[in-house]
PDB file of N, CA and C in Angstrom:
ATOM      1  N   MET A   1     -15.996   1.031   1.129  1.00  0.00           N
ATOM      2  CA  MET A   1     -15.846   2.105   0.122  1.00  0.00           C
ATOM      3  C   MET A   1     -16.775   3.230   0.418  1.00  0.00           C
ATOM      4  N   ILE A   2     -16.113   4.482   0.393  1.00  0.00           N
ATOM      5  CA  ILE A   2     -16.955   5.666   0.661  1.00  0.00           C
ATOM      6  C   ILE A   2     -17.078   6.407  -0.508  1.00  0.00           C
ATOM      7  N   GLN A   3     -18.019   7.180  -0.844  1.00  0.00           N
ATOM      8  CA  GLN A   3     -18.459   7.967  -1.700  1.00  0.00           C
ATOM      9  C   GLN A   3     -18.530   9.303  -1.469  1.00  0.00           C
ATOM     10  N   ILE A   4     -17.754  10.368  -2.160  1.00  0.00           N
ATOM     11  CA  ILE A   4     -17.780  11.840  -1.812  1.00  0.00           C
ATOM     12  C   ILE A   4     -17.687  12.534  -3.314  1.00  0.00           C
ATOM     13  N   THR A   5     -18.273  13.805  -3.015  1.00  0.00           N
ATOM     14  CA  THR A   5     -18.213  14.879  -4.067  1.00  0.00           C
ATOM     15  C   THR A   5     -16.694  15.251  -4.323  1.00  0.00           C
ATOM     16  N   ILE A   6     -16.679  15.688  -5.721  1.00  0.00           N
ATOM     17  CA  ILE A   6     -15.494  16.184  -6.155  1.00  0.00           C
ATOM     18  C   ILE A   6     -15.016  17.294  -5.567  1.00  0.00           C
ATOM     19  N   SER A   7     -16.039  18.014  -4.931  1.00  0.00           N
ATOM     20  CA  SER A   7     -15.478  19.595  -4.559  1.00  0.00           C
ATOM     21  C   SER A   7     -14.990  19.245  -3.109  1.00  0.00           C
ATOM     22  N   ASP A   8     -15.742  17.992  -2.191  1.00  0.00           N
ATOM     23  CA  ASP A   8     -15.338  17.688  -1.223  1.00  0.00           C
ATOM     24  C   ASP A   8     -13.789  17.147  -0.979  1.00  0.00           C
ATOM     25  N   PHE A   9     -13.641  16.178  -2.145  1.00  0.00           N
ATOM     26  CA  PHE A   9     -12.267  15.726  -2.319  1.00  0.00           C
ATOM     27  C   PHE A   9     -11.114  16.859  -2.495  1.00  0.00           C
ATOM     28  N   ARG A  10     -11.510  17.884  -3.313  1.00  0.00           N
ATOM     29  CA  ARG A  10     -10.517  18.932  -3.561  1.00  0.00           C
ATOM     30  C   ARG A  10     -10.387  19.774  -2.184  1.00  0.00           C
ATOM     31  N   GLN A  11     -11.423  19.755  -1.352  1.00  0.00           N
ATOM     32  CA  GLN A  11     -11.234  20.646  -0.118  1.00  0.00           C
ATOM     33  C   GLN A  11     -10.522  20.121   0.991  1.00  0.00           C
ATOM     34  N   ASN A  12     -10.527  18.530   0.968  1.00  0.00           N
ATOM     35  CA  ASN A  12     -10.079  17.670   2.140  1.00  0.00           C
ATOM     36  C   ASN A  12      -9.334  16.753   1.469  1.00  0.00           C
ATOM     37  N   LEU A  13      -8.285  17.057   0.668  1.00  0.00           N
ATOM     38  CA  LEU A  13      -7.095  16.204   0.080  1.00  0.00           C
ATOM     39  C   LEU A  13      -6.297  15.294   1.033  1.00  0.00           C
ATOM     40  N   LYS A  14      -6.029  15.990   2.164  1.00  0.00           N
ATOM     41  CA  LYS A  14      -5.096  15.526   2.972  1.00  0.00           C
ATOM     42  C   LYS A  14      -5.886  14.360   3.904  1.00  0.00           C
ATOM     43  N   LYS A  15      -7.089  14.753   4.162  1.00  0.00           N
ATOM     44  CA  LYS A  15      -7.988  13.742   4.882  1.00  0.00           C
ATOM     45  C   LYS A  15      -7.965  12.592   4.198  1.00  0.00           C
ATOM     46  N   TYR A  16      -8.740  12.716   2.792  1.00  0.00           N
ATOM     47  CA  TYR A  16      -8.747  11.669   1.931  1.00  0.00           C
ATOM     48  C   TYR A  16      -7.656  10.734   1.732  1.00  0.00           C
ATOM     49  N   ALA A  17      -6.381  11.292   1.676  1.00  0.00           N
ATOM     50  CA  ALA A  17      -5.140  10.524   1.718  1.00  0.00           C
ATOM     51  C   ALA A  17      -4.942   9.633   2.560  1.00  0.00           C
ATOM     52  N   GLU A  18      -5.428   9.889   3.937  1.00  0.00           N
ATOM     53  CA  GLU A  18      -5.154   9.017   4.879  1.00  0.00           C
ATOM     54  C   GLU A  18      -6.320   7.980   4.814  1.00  0.00           C
ATOM     55  N   ILE A  19      -7.390   8.388   4.627  1.00  0.00           N
ATOM     56  CA  ILE A  19      -8.598   7.476   4.680  1.00  0.00           C
ATOM     57  C   ILE A  19      -8.569   6.468   3.535  1.00  0.00           C
ATOM     58  N   VAL A  20      -7.837   6.751   2.377  1.00  0.00           N
ATOM     59  CA  VAL A  20      -7.674   5.560   1.312  1.00  0.00           C
ATOM     60  C   VAL A  20      -6.719   4.597   1.634  1.00  0.00           C
ATOM     61  N   LYS A  21      -5.930   4.749   2.758  1.00  0.00           N
ATOM     62  CA  LYS A  21      -5.165   3.688   3.136  1.00  0.00           C
ATOM     63  C   LYS A  21      -5.977   2.419   3.840  1.00  0.00           C
ATOM     64  N   HIS A  22      -7.309   2.822   4.172  1.00  0.00           N
ATOM     65  CA  HIS A  22      -8.109   1.681   4.674  1.00  0.00           C
ATOM     66  C   HIS A  22      -9.085   1.577   3.853  1.00  0.00           C
ATOM     67  N   GLU A  23      -9.530   2.414   3.044  1.00  0.00           N
ATOM     68  CA  GLU A  23     -10.604   1.991   2.080  1.00  0.00           C
ATOM     69  C   GLU A  23     -10.776   2.652   0.786  1.00  0.00           C
ATOM     70  N   ASP A  24     -11.383   2.124   0.062  1.00  0.00           N
ATOM     71  CA  ASP A  24     -11.379   2.807  -1.409  1.00  0.00           C
ATOM     72  C   ASP A  24     -12.487   3.991  -1.261  1.00  0.00           C
ATOM     73  N   ILE A  25     -12.237   4.911  -2.214  1.00  0.00           N
ATOM     74  CA  ILE A  25     -12.977   6.261  -2.183  1.00  0.00           C
ATOM     75  C   ILE A  25     -13.377   6.193  -3.851  1.00  0.00           C
ATOM     76  N   ILE A  26     -14.700   6.574  -3.909  1.00  0.00           N
ATOM     77  CA  ILE A  26     -15.383   6.779  -5.358  1.00  0.00           C
ATOM     78  C   ILE A  26     -15.772   8.489  -5.096  1.00  0.00           C
ATOM     79  N   VAL A  27     -15.061   9.076  -6.001  1.00  0.00           N
ATOM     80  CA  VAL A  27     -15.524  10.554  -6.335  1.00  0.00           C
ATOM     81  C   VAL A  27     -16.472  10.704  -7.387  1.00  0.00           C
ATOM     82  N   VAL A  28     -17.493  11.411  -7.052  1.00  0.00           N
ATOM     83  CA  VAL A  28     -18.774  11.664  -8.038  1.00  0.00           C
ATOM     84  C   VAL A  28     -18.872  13.220  -8.337  1.00  0.00           C
ATOM     85  N   SER A  29     -19.321  13.257  -9.290  1.00  0.00           N
ATOM     86  CA  SER A  29     -19.556  14.805  -9.991  1.00  0.00           C
ATOM     87  C   SER A  29     -20.830  14.869 -10.728  1.00  0.00           C
ATOM     88  N   ASN A  30     -21.880  15.595 -10.268  1.00  0.00           N
ATOM     89  CA  ASN A  30     -22.972  15.377 -10.609  1.00  0.00           C
ATOM     90  C   ASN A  30     -23.806  14.574 -10.474  1.00  0.00           C
ATOM     91  N   GLY A  31     -23.477  13.708  -9.490  1.00  0.00           N
ATOM     92  CA  GLY A  31     -24.123  12.294  -9.002  1.00  0.00           C
ATOM     93  C   GLY A  31     -23.652  11.111  -9.860  1.00  0.00           C
ATOM     94  N   LYS A  32     -22.436  11.270 -10.692  1.00  0.00           N
ATOM     95  CA  LYS A  32     -21.907  10.142 -11.360  1.00  0.00           C
ATOM     96  C   LYS A  32     -20.523   9.968 -10.999  1.00  0.00           C
ATOM     97  N   PRO A  33     -19.967   8.625 -10.834  1.00  0.00           N
ATOM     98  CA  PRO A  33     -18.780   8.330 -10.662  1.00  0.00           C
ATOM     99  C   PRO A  33     -18.119   8.908 -11.546  1.00  0.00           C
ATOM    100  N   VAL A  34     -16.640   9.524 -11.023  1.00  0.00           N
ATOM    101  CA  VAL A  34     -15.660   9.995 -12.175  1.00  0.00           C
ATOM    102  C   VAL A  34     -14.304   9.303 -11.879  1.00  0.00           C
ATOM    103  N   MET A  35     -14.321   8.911 -10.625  1.00  0.00           N
ATOM    104  CA  MET A  35     -12.993   8.063 -10.341  1.00  0.00           C
ATOM    105  C   MET A  35     -12.883   7.412  -9.215  1.00  0.00           C
ATOM    106  N   ARG A  36     -12.172   6.470  -9.114  1.00  0.00           N
ATOM    107  CA  ARG A  36     -12.156   5.715  -7.990  1.00  0.00           C
ATOM    108  C   ARG A  36     -10.572   5.621  -7.495  1.00  0.00           C
ATOM    109  N   ILE A  37     -10.482   5.950  -6.174  1.00  0.00           N
ATOM    110  CA  ILE A  37      -9.250   6.036  -5.593  1.00  0.00           C
ATOM    111  C   ILE A  37      -8.930   4.820  -4.680  1.00  0.00           C
ATOM    112  N   SER A  38      -7.802   4.516  -4.860  1.00  0.00           N
ATOM    113  CA  SER A  38      -7.502   3.197  -3.682  1.00  0.00           C
ATOM    114  C   SER A  38      -5.724   3.223  -3.482  1.00  0.00           C
ATOM    115  N   ASP A  39      -5.583   2.740  -2.506  1.00  0.00           N
ATOM    116  CA  ASP A  39      -3.860   2.519  -2.080  1.00  0.00           C
ATOM    117  C   ASP A  39      -3.317   1.362  -2.916  1.00  0.00           C
ATOM    118  N   PRO A  40      -2.706   1.688  -3.931  1.00  0.00           N
ATOM    119  CA  PRO A  40      -1.902   0.565  -4.507  1.00  0.00           C
ATOM    120  C   PRO A  40      -1.197  -0.459  -3.792  1.00  0.00           C
ATOM    121  N   VAL A  41      -0.690  -0.175  -2.601  1.00  0.00           N
ATOM    122  CA  VAL A  41       0.172  -1.136  -1.853  1.00  0.00           C
ATOM    123  C   VAL A  41      -0.947  -2.048  -1.066  1.00  0.00           C
ATOM    124  N   ARG A  42      -2.226  -1.237  -0.697  1.00  0.00           N
ATOM    125  CA  ARG A  42      -3.135  -2.152   0.141  1.00  0.00           C
ATOM    126  C   ARG A  42      -3.784  -3.124  -0.782  1.00  0.00           C
ATOM    127  N   ASN A  43      -3.793  -2.742  -2.179  1.00  0.00           N
ATOM    128  CA  ASN A  43      -4.774  -3.676  -2.973  1.00  0.00           C
ATOM    129  C   ASN A  43      -3.620  -4.834  -3.609  1.00  0.00           C
ATOM    130  N   ARG A  44      -2.551  -4.527  -3.458  1.00  0.00           N
ATOM    131  CA  ARG A  44      -1.446  -5.768  -3.894  1.00  0.00           C
ATOM    132  C   ARG A  44      -1.447  -6.429  -2.502  1.00  0.00           C
ATOM    133  N   VAL A  45      -1.499  -6.082  -1.389  1.00  0.00           N
ATOM    134  CA  VAL A  45      -1.391  -6.836  -0.471  1.00  0.00           C
ATOM    135  C   VAL A  45      -2.694  -7.784  -0.462  1.00  0.00           C
ATOM    136  N   ASP A  46      -3.844  -7.207  -0.468  1.00  0.00           N
ATOM    137  CA  ASP A  46      -4.984  -7.970  -0.574  1.00  0.00           C
ATOM    138  C   ASP A  46      -4.939  -9.027  -1.608  1.00  0.00           C
ATOM    139  N   GLU A  47      -4.413  -8.760  -2.910  1.00  0.00           N
ATOM    140  CA  GLU A  47      -4.407  -9.755  -3.925  1.00  0.00           C
ATOM    141  C   GLU A  47      -3.374 -10.785  -3.466  1.00  0.00           C
ATOM    142  N   ILE A  48      -2.281 -10.436  -2.800  1.00  0.00           N
ATOM    143  CA  ILE A  48      -1.213 -11.381  -2.655  1.00  0.00           C
ATOM    144  C   ILE A  48      -1.793 -12.434  -1.284  1.00  0.00           C
ATOM    145  N   ARG A  49      -2.628 -11.858  -0.518  1.00  0.00           N
ATOM    146  CA  ARG A  49      -3.156 -12.862   0.546  1.00  0.00           C
ATOM    147  C   ARG A  49      -4.184 -13.559  -0.144  1.00  0.00           C
ATOM    148  N   LYS A  50      -5.039 -13.140  -1.121  1.00  0.00           N
ATOM    149  CA  LYS A  50      -5.796 -14.013  -1.818  1.00  0.00           C
ATOM    150  C   LYS A  50      -4.867 -15.207  -2.470  1.00  0.00           C
ATOM    151  N   LEU A  51      -4.028 -15.022  -3.172  1.00  0.00           N
ATOM    152  CA  LEU A  51      -3.038 -15.859  -3.975  1.00  0.00           C
ATOM    153  C   LEU A  51      -2.416 -16.870  -3.005  1.00  0.00           C
ATOM    154  N   ARG A  52      -2.000 -16.264  -1.871  1.00  0.00           N
ATOM    155  CA  ARG A  52      -1.211 -17.116  -0.839  1.00  0.00           C
ATOM    156  C   ARG A  52      -2.061 -18.554  -0.619  1.00  0.00           C
ATOM    157  N   GLY A  53      -3.286 -18.373  -0.483  1.00  0.00           N
ATOM    158  CA  GLY A  53      -4.037 -19.523   0.100  1.00  0.00           C
ATOM    159  C   GLY A  53      -3.793 -20.644  -1.373  1.00  0.00           C
ATOM    160  N   ILE A  54      -3.473 -20.380  -2.441  1.00  0.00           N
ATOM    161  CA  ILE A  54      -3.528 -21.244  -3.384  1.00  0.00           C
ATOM    162  C   ILE A  54      -2.145 -21.495  -4.136  1.00  0.00           C
ATOM    163  N   ALA A  55      -1.309 -20.585  -3.713  1.00  0.00           N
ATOM    164  CA  ALA A  55       0.251 -20.764  -4.054  1.00  0.00           C
ATOM    165  C   ALA A  55       0.720 -22.015  -3.486  1.00  0.00           C
ATOM    166  N   LYS A  56       1.684 -22.765  -4.160  1.00  0.00           N
ATOM    167  CA  LYS A  56       2.336 -23.636  -3.698  1.00  0.00           C
ATOM    168  C   LYS A  56       3.929 -23.197  -3.463  1.00  0.00           C
ATOM    169  N   THR A  57       4.043 -22.866  -2.433  1.00  0.00           N
ATOM    170  CA  THR A  57       5.416 -22.239  -2.013  1.00  0.00           C
ATOM    171  C   THR A  57       5.638 -22.183  -0.572  1.00  0.00           C
ATOM    172  N   SER A  58       6.878 -22.085  -0.247  1.00  0.00           N
ATOM    173  CA  SER A  58       7.086 -22.273   1.204  1.00  0.00           C
ATOM    174  C   SER A  58       7.407 -20.764   1.709  1.00  0.00           C
ATOM    175  N   GLN A  59       7.275 -19.872   0.891  1.00  0.00           N
ATOM    176  CA  GLN A  59       7.423 -18.219   1.262  1.00  0.00           C
ATOM    177  C   GLN A  59       6.296 -17.908   2.302  1.00  0.00           C
ATOM    178  N   SER A  60       6.709 -17.006   2.891  1.00  0.00           N
ATOM    179  CA  SER A  60       5.709 -16.597   3.801  1.00  0.00           C
ATOM    180  C   SER A  60       5.000 -15.382   3.166  1.00  0.00           C
ATOM    181  N   SER A  61       3.712 -14.927   3.758  1.00  0.00           N
ATOM    182  CA  SER A  61       2.870 -13.800   3.001  1.00  0.00           C
ATOM    183  C   SER A  61       3.863 -12.521   2.894  1.00  0.00           C
ATOM    184  N   GLU A  62       4.723 -12.367   4.199  1.00  0.00           N
ATOM    185  CA  GLU A  62       5.466 -11.261   4.104  1.00  0.00           C
ATOM    186  C   GLU A  62       6.474 -11.294   2.926  1.00  0.00           C
ATOM    187  N   GLU A  63       7.192 -12.504   2.782  1.00  0.00           N
ATOM    188  CA  GLU A  63       8.260 -12.653   1.499  1.00  0.00           C
ATOM    189  C   GLU A  63       7.617 -12.378   0.450  1.00  0.00           C
ATOM    190  N   ILE A  64       6.174 -12.814   0.212  1.00  0.00           N
ATOM    191  CA  ILE A  64       5.674 -12.669  -1.054  1.00  0.00           C
ATOM    192  C   ILE A  64       5.208 -11.264  -1.514  1.00  0.00           C
ATOM    193  N   MET A  65       4.961 -10.642  -0.275  1.00  0.00           N
ATOM    194  CA  MET A  65       4.464  -9.119  -0.588  1.00  0.00           C
ATOM    195  C   MET A  65       5.942  -8.502  -0.665  1.00  0.00           C
ATOM    196  N   GLU A  66       6.860  -8.792  -0.170  1.00  0.00           N
ATOM    197  CA  GLU A  66       8.180  -7.693  -0.554  1.00  0.00           C
ATOM    198  C   GLU A  66       8.498  -8.077  -1.894  1.00  0.00           C
ATOM    199  N   ASN A  67       8.460  -9.338  -2.291  1.00  0.00           N
ATOM    200  CA  ASN A  67       9.022  -9.618  -3.788  1.00  0.00           C
ATOM    201  C   ASN A  67       8.006  -8.799  -4.673  1.00  0.00           C
ATOM    202  N   LYS A  68       6.858  -8.903  -4.359  1.00  0.00           N
ATOM    203  CA  LYS A  68       5.955  -8.110  -5.263  1.00  0.00           C
ATOM    204  C   LYS A  68       6.293  -6.690  -5.268  1.00  0.00           C
ATOM    205  N   ILE A  69       6.470  -5.978  -4.138  1.00  0.00           N
ATOM    206  CA  ILE A  69       6.675  -4.767  -4.351  1.00  0.00           C
ATOM    207  C   ILE A  69       7.990  -4.354  -4.744  1.00  0.00           C
ATOM    208  N   ARG A  70       9.022  -5.177  -4.797  1.00  0.00           N
ATOM    209  CA  ARG A  70      10.242  -4.935  -5.543  1.00  0.00           C
ATOM    210  C   ARG A  70       9.867  -5.069  -7.050  1.00  0.00           C
ATOM    211  N   GLU A  71       8.756  -5.774  -7.394  1.00  0.00           N
ATOM    212  CA  GLU A  71       8.649  -5.842  -8.901  1.00  0.00           C
ATOM    213  C   GLU A  71       8.003  -4.576  -9.453  1.00  0.00           C
ATOM    214  N   LEU A  72       7.519  -3.835  -8.453  1.00  0.00           N
ATOM    215  CA  LEU A  72       6.939  -2.677  -9.179  1.00  0.00           C
ATOM    216  C   LEU A  72       7.953  -1.572  -9.278  1.00  0.00           C
TER     217      LEU A  72
END
């Protein structure tokens, strides 16, 4: 997770749109966090992978992920 200022975020939006695909971003204003930005698909994939270990199913991780994405 990286932390950036709100002015840096505004100036470099495209750059951070790429970075957020790999890690979450905390945006701060006056030294205080004002938002957390994360990739919703990556977060869901991470959650599915966590659940895959406890799920009693014959579905592959890819099938579970595809089904979850369709639910969105």
